[in-house]
Amino acid sequence: MEGKDETTTEDTILFNLTTIDINDDDELLPRFPGKHSLYTPFQAILIALVLVGIIVGTVIGNILVCVAVFLVRKLRRPCNYLLVSLAVSDLCVALLVMPMALLYEISHNWTFGALMCDLWVSFDVLSCTASILNLCMISLDRLESNNIQSEGSRTFLDEISR
């Protein structure tokens, strides 16, 4: 090999090691479930799964109540319209209030701004009040139906609608 320059290179591997302080406020990815959260990631995921199950069950159940009353002719009575009204108000709670409450419960931090906070509280108060008032009307309707037993099993609303 005389007269030729021979160069041999050894295999070299360079590692780019960067350390990130997880207590630093400028993290690239925020820590799940959030730095203000009271839960560990496992607890947060478990709580989120349970709450999502409750939300989905509430939505499906209330939709089924509405569909049943509107599809079955025998259920189309004024006393059952109160149940549909209750189902709609509970559906509003499940769709407008519970998802934001889930996120706030997990992270213990409101990230949606002041306007959404005001809307969320308004939806919460209005939907829950509507649900409570529907329950009160159903109770009064059932009470009155027990008082009108001489004419059969009609309810107070059935009597008014005649």
C-alpha atoms as a PDB file:
ATOM      1  CA  MET A   1       0.000   0.000   0.000  1.00  0.00           C
ATOM      2  CA  GLU A   2       2.795   2.325  -0.651  1.00  0.00           C
ATOM      3  CA  GLY A   3       2.051   5.542  -2.323  1.00  0.00           C
ATOM      4  CA  LYS A   4      -1.595   5.539  -1.386  1.00  0.00           C
ATOM      5  CA  ASP A   5      -3.006   7.399   1.498  1.00  0.00           C
ATOM      6  CA  GLU A   6      -5.214   5.145   3.413  1.00  0.00           C
ATOM      7  CA  THR A   7      -7.644   6.557   5.830  1.00  0.00           C
ATOM      8  CA  THR A   8      -9.634   4.441   8.114  1.00  0.00           C
ATOM      9  CA  THR A   9     -12.485   5.783  10.135  1.00  0.00           C
ATOM     10  CA  GLU A  10     -13.793   4.157  13.198  1.00  0.00           C
ATOM     11  CA  ASP A  11     -17.513   4.056  13.749  1.00  0.00           C
ATOM     12  CA  THR A  12     -18.385   6.869  16.089  1.00  0.00           C
ATOM     13  CA  ILE A  13     -21.777   7.498  17.589  1.00  0.00           C
ATOM     14  CA  LEU A  14     -22.637  10.898  18.926  1.00  0.00           C
ATOM     15  CA  PHE A  15     -25.459  11.277  21.368  1.00  0.00           C
ATOM     16  CA  ASN A  16     -27.237  14.554  21.811  1.00  0.00           C
ATOM     17  CA  LEU A  17     -28.220  14.495  25.448  1.00  0.00           C
ATOM     18  CA  THR A  18     -30.421  17.301  26.643  1.00  0.00           C
ATOM     19  CA  THR A  19     -31.680  17.495  30.162  1.00  0.00           C
ATOM     20  CA  ILE A  20     -34.994  19.081  30.967  1.00  0.00           C
ATOM     21  CA  ASP A  21     -35.817  20.190  34.466  1.00  0.00           C
ATOM     22  CA  ILE A  22     -39.355  18.967  35.142  1.00  0.00           C
ATOM     23  CA  ASN A  23     -39.858  21.677  37.731  1.00  0.00           C
ATOM     24  CA  ASP A  24     -39.205  24.345  35.104  1.00  0.00           C
ATOM     25  CA  ASP A  25     -42.191  26.528  34.221  1.00  0.00           C
ATOM     26  CA  ASP A  26     -41.300  26.615  30.495  1.00  0.00           C
ATOM     27  CA  GLU A  27     -41.946  22.951  29.790  1.00  0.00           C
ATOM     28  CA  LEU A  28     -42.528  21.926  26.221  1.00  0.00           C
ATOM     29  CA  LEU A  29     -45.260  19.489  27.224  1.00  0.00           C
ATOM     30  CA  PRO A  30     -47.285  20.235  30.332  1.00  0.00           C
ATOM     31  CA  ARG A  31     -47.282  17.594  33.035  1.00  0.00           C
ATOM     32  CA  PHE A  32     -50.452  15.509  33.085  1.00  0.00           C
ATOM     33  CA  PRO A  33     -52.843  16.088  34.843  1.00  0.00           C
ATOM     34  CA  GLY A  34     -51.461  19.572  35.585  1.00  0.00           C
ATOM     35  CA  LYS A  35     -49.286  21.141  38.196  1.00  0.00           C
ATOM     36  CA  HIS A  36     -52.267  22.218  40.318  1.00  0.00           C
ATOM     37  CA  SER A  37     -53.924  18.808  40.287  1.00  0.00           C
ATOM     38  CA  LEU A  38     -54.363  16.817  43.453  1.00  0.00           C
ATOM     39  CA  TYR A  39     -54.182  13.513  41.586  1.00  0.00           C
ATOM     40  CA  THR A  40     -51.437  11.305  40.260  1.00  0.00           C
ATOM     41  CA  PRO A  41     -51.647  10.473  36.529  1.00  0.00           C
ATOM     42  CA  PHE A  42     -53.104   7.036  37.316  1.00  0.00           C
ATOM     43  CA  GLN A  43     -55.738   8.510  39.637  1.00  0.00           C
ATOM     44  CA  ALA A  44     -56.579  11.229  37.098  1.00  0.00           C
ATOM     45  CA  ILE A  45     -57.086   8.682  34.315  1.00  0.00           C
ATOM     46  CA  LEU A  46     -59.235   6.487  36.569  1.00  0.00           C
ATOM     47  CA  ILE A  47     -61.391   9.432  37.670  1.00  0.00           C
ATOM     48  CA  ALA A  48     -61.695  10.650  34.077  1.00  0.00           C
ATOM     49  CA  LEU A  49     -62.846   7.222  32.880  1.00  0.00           C
ATOM     50  CA  VAL A  50     -65.488   7.005  35.611  1.00  0.00           C
ATOM     51  CA  LEU A  51     -66.754  10.526  34.929  1.00  0.00           C
ATOM     52  CA  VAL A  52     -66.816   9.993  31.159  1.00  0.00           C
ATOM     53  CA  GLY A  53     -68.835   6.825  31.788  1.00  0.00           C
ATOM     54  CA  ILE A  54     -71.316   8.808  33.887  1.00  0.00           C
ATOM     55  CA  ILE A  55     -71.590  11.503  31.207  1.00  0.00           C
ATOM     56  CA  VAL A  56     -72.119   8.984  28.393  1.00  0.00           C
ATOM     57  CA  GLY A  57     -74.661   7.049  30.467  1.00  0.00           C
ATOM     58  CA  THR A  58     -76.544  10.242  31.275  1.00  0.00           C
ATOM     59  CA  VAL A  59     -76.673  11.322  27.640  1.00  0.00           C
ATOM     60  CA  ILE A  60     -77.768   7.916  26.339  1.00  0.00           C
ATOM     61  CA  GLY A  61     -80.345   7.400  29.099  1.00  0.00           C
ATOM     62  CA  ASN A  62     -81.987  10.778  28.636  1.00  0.00           C
ATOM     63  CA  ILE A  63     -82.055  10.432  24.857  1.00  0.00           C
ATOM     64  CA  LEU A  64     -83.755   7.042  25.282  1.00  0.00           C
ATOM     65  CA  VAL A  65     -86.408   8.601  27.540  1.00  0.00           C
ATOM     66  CA  CYS A  66     -87.169  11.285  24.937  1.00  0.00           C
ATOM     67  CA  VAL A  67     -87.257   8.795  22.068  1.00  0.00           C
ATOM     68  CA  ALA A  68     -89.497   6.381  23.984  1.00  0.00           C
ATOM     69  CA  VAL A  69     -92.094   9.032  24.778  1.00  0.00           C
ATOM     70  CA  PHE A  70     -92.156  10.333  21.237  1.00  0.00           C
ATOM     71  CA  LEU A  71     -92.265   6.911  19.524  1.00  0.00           C
ATOM     72  CA  VAL A  72     -94.697   5.003  21.751  1.00  0.00           C
ATOM     73  CA  ARG A  73     -98.213   6.367  21.395  1.00  0.00           C
ATOM     74  CA  LYS A  74     -99.351   5.133  24.828  1.00  0.00           C
ATOM     75  CA  LEU A  75     -96.608   7.173  26.502  1.00  0.00           C
ATOM     76  CA  ARG A  76     -97.739  10.445  24.906  1.00  0.00           C
ATOM     77  CA  ARG A  77     -99.588  11.745  27.929  1.00  0.00           C
ATOM     78  CA  PRO A  78     -99.150  15.101  29.661  1.00  0.00           C
ATOM     79  CA  CYS A  79     -97.671  13.487  32.773  1.00  0.00           C
ATOM     80  CA  ASN A  80     -94.940  11.923  30.632  1.00  0.00           C
ATOM     81  CA  TYR A  81     -94.180  15.281  29.034  1.00  0.00           C
ATOM     82  CA  LEU A  82     -92.872  16.278  32.448  1.00  0.00           C
ATOM     83  CA  LEU A  83     -90.485  13.331  32.262  1.00  0.00           C
ATOM     84  CA  VAL A  84     -89.353  14.474  28.806  1.00  0.00           C
ATOM     85  CA  SER A  85     -88.784  17.961  30.170  1.00  0.00           C
ATOM     86  CA  LEU A  86     -86.725  16.498  33.009  1.00  0.00           C
ATOM     87  CA  ALA A  87     -84.756  14.399  30.516  1.00  0.00           C
ATOM     88  CA  VAL A  88     -84.009  17.458  28.365  1.00  0.00           C
ATOM     89  CA  SER A  89     -82.824  19.495  31.348  1.00  0.00           C
ATOM     90  CA  ASP A  90     -80.632  16.599  32.500  1.00  0.00           C
ATOM     91  CA  LEU A  91     -79.324  16.266  28.949  1.00  0.00           C
ATOM     92  CA  CYS A  92     -78.316  19.930  29.076  1.00  0.00           C
ATOM     93  CA  VAL A  93     -76.463  19.257  32.323  1.00  0.00           C
ATOM     94  CA  ALA A  94     -74.695  16.274  30.760  1.00  0.00           C
ATOM     95  CA  LEU A  95     -73.662  18.113  27.590  1.00  0.00           C
ATOM     96  CA  LEU A  96     -73.029  21.669  28.778  1.00  0.00           C
ATOM     97  CA  VAL A  97     -71.913  21.334  32.384  1.00  0.00           C
ATOM     98  CA  MET A  98     -70.397  17.925  33.088  1.00  0.00           C
ATOM     99  CA  PRO A  99     -67.569  17.902  30.469  1.00  0.00           C
ATOM    100  CA  MET A 100     -66.128  21.196  31.732  1.00  0.00           C
ATOM    101  CA  ALA A 101     -66.563  20.024  35.311  1.00  0.00           C
ATOM    102  CA  LEU A 102     -64.629  16.867  34.449  1.00  0.00           C
ATOM    103  CA  LEU A 103     -61.705  18.859  33.035  1.00  0.00           C
ATOM    104  CA  TYR A 104     -61.693  21.220  35.987  1.00  0.00           C
ATOM    105  CA  GLU A 105     -61.865  18.343  38.481  1.00  0.00           C
ATOM    106  CA  ILE A 106     -58.889  16.596  36.930  1.00  0.00           C
ATOM    107  CA  SER A 107     -56.611  19.608  36.423  1.00  0.00           C
ATOM    108  CA  HIS A 108     -57.823  21.951  39.200  1.00  0.00           C
ATOM    109  CA  ASN A 109     -57.088  24.762  36.784  1.00  0.00           C
ATOM    110  CA  TRP A 110     -59.474  26.732  34.544  1.00  0.00           C
ATOM    111  CA  THR A 111     -57.903  27.247  31.121  1.00  0.00           C
ATOM    112  CA  PHE A 112     -60.920  28.338  29.079  1.00  0.00           C
ATOM    113  CA  GLY A 113     -61.033  32.046  29.948  1.00  0.00           C
ATOM    114  CA  ALA A 114     -63.414  34.281  31.840  1.00  0.00           C
ATOM    115  CA  LEU A 115     -66.210  34.224  29.250  1.00  0.00           C
ATOM    116  CA  MET A 116     -66.405  30.418  29.199  1.00  0.00           C
ATOM    117  CA  CYS A 117     -66.315  30.411  32.993  1.00  0.00           C
ATOM    118  CA  ASP A 118     -69.324  32.725  33.121  1.00  0.00           C
ATOM    119  CA  LEU A 119     -71.164  30.659  30.492  1.00  0.00           C
ATOM    120  CA  TRP A 120     -70.360  27.418  32.295  1.00  0.00           C
ATOM    121  CA  VAL A 121     -71.638  28.722  35.631  1.00  0.00           C
ATOM    122  CA  SER A 122     -74.765  30.083  33.919  1.00  0.00           C
ATOM    123  CA  PHE A 123     -75.472  26.768  32.202  1.00  0.00           C
ATOM    124  CA  ASP A 124     -74.861  24.976  35.491  1.00  0.00           C
ATOM    125  CA  VAL A 125     -77.292  27.130  37.444  1.00  0.00           C
ATOM    126  CA  LEU A 126     -79.978  27.206  34.747  1.00  0.00           C
ATOM    127  CA  SER A 127     -79.856  23.505  33.882  1.00  0.00           C
ATOM    128  CA  CYS A 128     -79.780  22.324  37.482  1.00  0.00           C
ATOM    129  CA  THR A 129     -82.592  24.713  38.449  1.00  0.00           C
ATOM    130  CA  ALA A 130     -84.690  23.478  35.528  1.00  0.00           C
ATOM    131  CA  SER A 131     -84.052  19.906  36.618  1.00  0.00           C
ATOM    132  CA  ILE A 132     -85.050  20.646  40.209  1.00  0.00           C
ATOM    133  CA  LEU A 133     -88.215  22.478  39.144  1.00  0.00           C
ATOM    134  CA  ASN A 134     -89.145  19.578  36.857  1.00  0.00           C
ATOM    135  CA  LEU A 135     -88.780  17.203  39.807  1.00  0.00           C
ATOM    136  CA  CYS A 136     -91.022  19.470  41.883  1.00  0.00           C
ATOM    137  CA  MET A 137     -93.699  19.498  39.166  1.00  0.00           C
ATOM    138  CA  ILE A 138     -93.517  15.713  38.785  1.00  0.00           C
ATOM    139  CA  SER A 139     -93.960  15.355  42.542  1.00  0.00           C
ATOM    140  CA  LEU A 140     -96.969  17.681  42.560  1.00  0.00           C
ATOM    141  CA  ASP A 141     -98.453  15.837  39.579  1.00  0.00           C
ATOM    142  CA  ARG A 142     -98.067  12.459  41.301  1.00  0.00           C
ATOM    143  CA  LEU A 143     -99.502  13.825  44.545  1.00  0.00           C
ATOM    144  CA  GLU A 144    -102.527  15.200  42.766  1.00  0.00           C
ATOM    145  CA  SER A 145    -103.005  11.943  40.853  1.00  0.00           C
ATOM    146  CA  ASN A 146    -103.280  10.138  44.190  1.00  0.00           C
ATOM    147  CA  ASN A 147    -105.940  12.622  45.294  1.00  0.00           C
ATOM    148  CA  ILE A 148    -108.014  12.075  42.132  1.00  0.00           C
ATOM    149  CA  GLN A 149    -108.478   8.343  42.519  1.00  0.00           C
ATOM    150  CA  SER A 150    -112.208   8.378  42.113  1.00  0.00           C
ATOM    151  CA  GLU A 151    -111.866   9.028  38.373  1.00  0.00           C
ATOM    152  CA  GLY A 152    -109.202   6.417  37.683  1.00  0.00           C
ATOM    153  CA  SER A 153    -105.472   6.833  37.393  1.00  0.00           C
ATOM    154  CA  ARG A 154    -105.476  10.247  35.756  1.00  0.00           C
ATOM    155  CA  THR A 155    -102.982  12.804  36.917  1.00  0.00           C
ATOM    156  CA  PHE A 156    -103.364  16.505  37.606  1.00  0.00           C
ATOM    157  CA  LEU A 157    -102.038  17.396  34.150  1.00  0.00           C
ATOM    158  CA  ASP A 158    -104.428  14.943  32.526  1.00  0.00           C
ATOM    159  CA  GLU A 159    -107.294  16.726  34.252  1.00  0.00           C
ATOM    160  CA  ILE A 160    -106.084  20.156  33.156  1.00  0.00           C
ATOM    161  CA  SER A 161    -105.604  19.055  29.541  1.00  0.00           C
ATOM    162  CA  ARG A 162    -109.199  17.831  29.213  1.00  0.00           C
END
